[in-house]
Amino acid sequence: MRFLRLLTFLIFSTSFVTLFAQDEKPVTLTGQVLDSLEGGLATATVVLLNPADSVIVSFAITNGEGTFSLRRVPPGDYLI
């Protein structure tokens, strides 16, 4: 199980997220962390990073179904 969590985290950490907004207001980014059997991973840490310097912009812990919500994220390019 630990291997599946690590694998899922590595997949998500290499994903590139771009948020678009016309009015430049902060947005809420939601999603779900899944294991290899497509089941939700509870208590996984999701981190949103600035791609230029890897500074943490926001973070969240997934709930029992593996869903997360990052609130008040400024529009821009991020690593998740």
C-alpha atoms as a PDB file:
ATOM      1  CA  MET A   1       0.000   0.000   0.000  1.00  0.00           C
ATOM      2  CA  ARG A   2       2.861   2.356   0.790  1.00  0.00           C
ATOM      3  CA  PHE A   3       4.291   1.737  -2.687  1.00  0.00           C
ATOM      4  CA  LEU A   4       0.957   2.624  -4.311  1.00  0.00           C
ATOM      5  CA  ARG A   5       0.801   5.893  -2.379  1.00  0.00           C
ATOM      6  CA  LEU A   6       4.346   6.778  -3.369  1.00  0.00           C
ATOM      7  CA  LEU A   7       3.674   5.903  -7.001  1.00  0.00           C
ATOM      8  CA  THR A   8       0.492   7.974  -7.046  1.00  0.00           C
ATOM      9  CA  PHE A   9       2.269  10.916  -5.422  1.00  0.00           C
ATOM     10  CA  LEU A  10       5.069  10.768  -7.986  1.00  0.00           C
ATOM     11  CA  ILE A  11       2.576  10.740 -10.836  1.00  0.00           C
ATOM     12  CA  PHE A  12       0.744  13.735  -9.403  1.00  0.00           C
ATOM     13  CA  SER A  13       3.955  15.594  -8.577  1.00  0.00           C
ATOM     14  CA  THR A  14       5.072  15.446 -12.190  1.00  0.00           C
ATOM     15  CA  SER A  15       1.754  16.741 -13.488  1.00  0.00           C
ATOM     16  CA  PHE A  16       1.647  20.348 -14.582  1.00  0.00           C
ATOM     17  CA  VAL A  17      -1.410  22.394 -13.718  1.00  0.00           C
ATOM     18  CA  THR A  18      -2.400  25.624 -15.404  1.00  0.00           C
ATOM     19  CA  LEU A  19      -5.240  27.695 -14.024  1.00  0.00           C
ATOM     20  CA  PHE A  20      -6.964  30.236 -16.243  1.00  0.00           C
ATOM     21  CA  ALA A  21      -9.250  33.041 -15.109  1.00  0.00           C
ATOM     22  CA  GLN A  22     -10.301  36.159 -16.962  1.00  0.00           C
ATOM     23  CA  ASP A  23     -10.843  38.292 -13.885  1.00  0.00           C
ATOM     24  CA  GLU A  24      -7.714  37.183 -11.986  1.00  0.00           C
ATOM     25  CA  LYS A  25      -9.710  36.188  -8.876  1.00  0.00           C
ATOM     26  CA  PRO A  26      -8.469  33.313  -6.720  1.00  0.00           C
ATOM     27  CA  VAL A  27     -10.039  29.960  -7.559  1.00  0.00           C
ATOM     28  CA  THR A  28     -10.650  26.627  -5.833  1.00  0.00           C
ATOM     29  CA  LEU A  29      -8.889  23.615  -7.314  1.00  0.00           C
ATOM     30  CA  THR A  30     -10.469  20.243  -6.504  1.00  0.00           C
ATOM     31  CA  GLY A  31      -9.541  16.723  -7.497  1.00  0.00           C
ATOM     32  CA  GLN A  32      -9.137  13.131  -6.402  1.00  0.00           C
ATOM     33  CA  VAL A  33      -6.017  11.049  -5.732  1.00  0.00           C
ATOM     34  CA  LEU A  34      -6.460   7.462  -6.961  1.00  0.00           C
ATOM     35  CA  ASP A  35      -4.419   4.307  -6.521  1.00  0.00           C
ATOM     36  CA  SER A  36      -3.632   1.839  -9.317  1.00  0.00           C
ATOM     37  CA  LEU A  37      -7.043   0.171  -8.838  1.00  0.00           C
ATOM     38  CA  GLU A  38      -8.718   3.591  -9.176  1.00  0.00           C
ATOM     39  CA  GLY A  39      -9.754   3.657  -5.533  1.00  0.00           C
ATOM     40  CA  GLY A  40      -9.470   6.938  -3.631  1.00  0.00           C
ATOM     41  CA  LEU A  41      -6.431   7.362  -1.386  1.00  0.00           C
ATOM     42  CA  ALA A  42      -7.309   8.699   2.051  1.00  0.00           C
ATOM     43  CA  THR A  43      -4.923  11.061   3.905  1.00  0.00           C
ATOM     44  CA  ALA A  44      -2.666  11.669   0.893  1.00  0.00           C
ATOM     45  CA  THR A  45      -0.899  15.037   0.857  1.00  0.00           C
ATOM     46  CA  VAL A  46      -1.481  17.223  -2.218  1.00  0.00           C
ATOM     47  CA  VAL A  47       0.964  20.108  -2.678  1.00  0.00           C
ATOM     48  CA  LEU A  48       0.703  23.007  -5.143  1.00  0.00           C
ATOM     49  CA  LEU A  49       4.145  24.390  -6.041  1.00  0.00           C
ATOM     50  CA  ASN A  50       5.443  27.444  -7.863  1.00  0.00           C
ATOM     51  CA  PRO A  51       7.250  25.966 -10.908  1.00  0.00           C
ATOM     52  CA  ALA A  52      10.000  28.604 -10.875  1.00  0.00           C
ATOM     53  CA  ASP A  53      11.369  27.818  -7.409  1.00  0.00           C
ATOM     54  CA  SER A  54       9.239  24.962  -5.978  1.00  0.00           C
ATOM     55  CA  VAL A  55       7.888  27.160  -3.180  1.00  0.00           C
ATOM     56  CA  ILE A  56       4.677  25.762  -1.667  1.00  0.00           C
ATOM     57  CA  VAL A  57       1.654  27.821  -2.716  1.00  0.00           C
ATOM     58  CA  SER A  58      -0.997  25.647  -1.057  1.00  0.00           C
ATOM     59  CA  PHE A  59      -1.512  22.129   0.267  1.00  0.00           C
ATOM     60  CA  ALA A  60      -4.336  19.812   1.323  1.00  0.00           C
ATOM     61  CA  ILE A  61      -4.925  16.348   2.764  1.00  0.00           C
ATOM     62  CA  THR A  62      -7.362  14.049   0.956  1.00  0.00           C
ATOM     63  CA  ASN A  63     -10.514  12.858   2.706  1.00  0.00           C
ATOM     64  CA  GLY A  64     -11.681   9.232   3.002  1.00  0.00           C
ATOM     65  CA  GLU A  65     -12.598   9.095  -0.700  1.00  0.00           C
ATOM     66  CA  GLY A  66      -9.303  10.624  -1.835  1.00  0.00           C
ATOM     67  CA  THR A  67     -10.784  14.021  -2.769  1.00  0.00           C
ATOM     68  CA  PHE A  68      -9.064  17.310  -2.001  1.00  0.00           C
ATOM     69  CA  SER A  69      -9.746  21.013  -2.341  1.00  0.00           C
ATOM     70  CA  LEU A  70      -7.156  23.798  -2.626  1.00  0.00           C
ATOM     71  CA  ARG A  71      -8.860  27.111  -1.845  1.00  0.00           C
ATOM     72  CA  ARG A  72      -7.999  30.687  -2.846  1.00  0.00           C
ATOM     73  CA  VAL A  73      -5.388  29.736  -5.449  1.00  0.00           C
ATOM     74  CA  PRO A  74      -4.254  32.714  -7.541  1.00  0.00           C
ATOM     75  CA  PRO A  75      -4.509  32.103 -11.313  1.00  0.00           C
ATOM     76  CA  GLY A  76      -1.206  30.976 -12.814  1.00  0.00           C
ATOM     77  CA  ASP A  77       1.001  28.009 -13.662  1.00  0.00           C
ATOM     78  CA  TYR A  78       1.712  25.428 -10.939  1.00  0.00           C
ATOM     79  CA  LEU A  79       3.109  21.989 -10.265  1.00  0.00           C
ATOM     80  CA  ILE A  80       0.894  19.636  -8.272  1.00  0.00           C
END
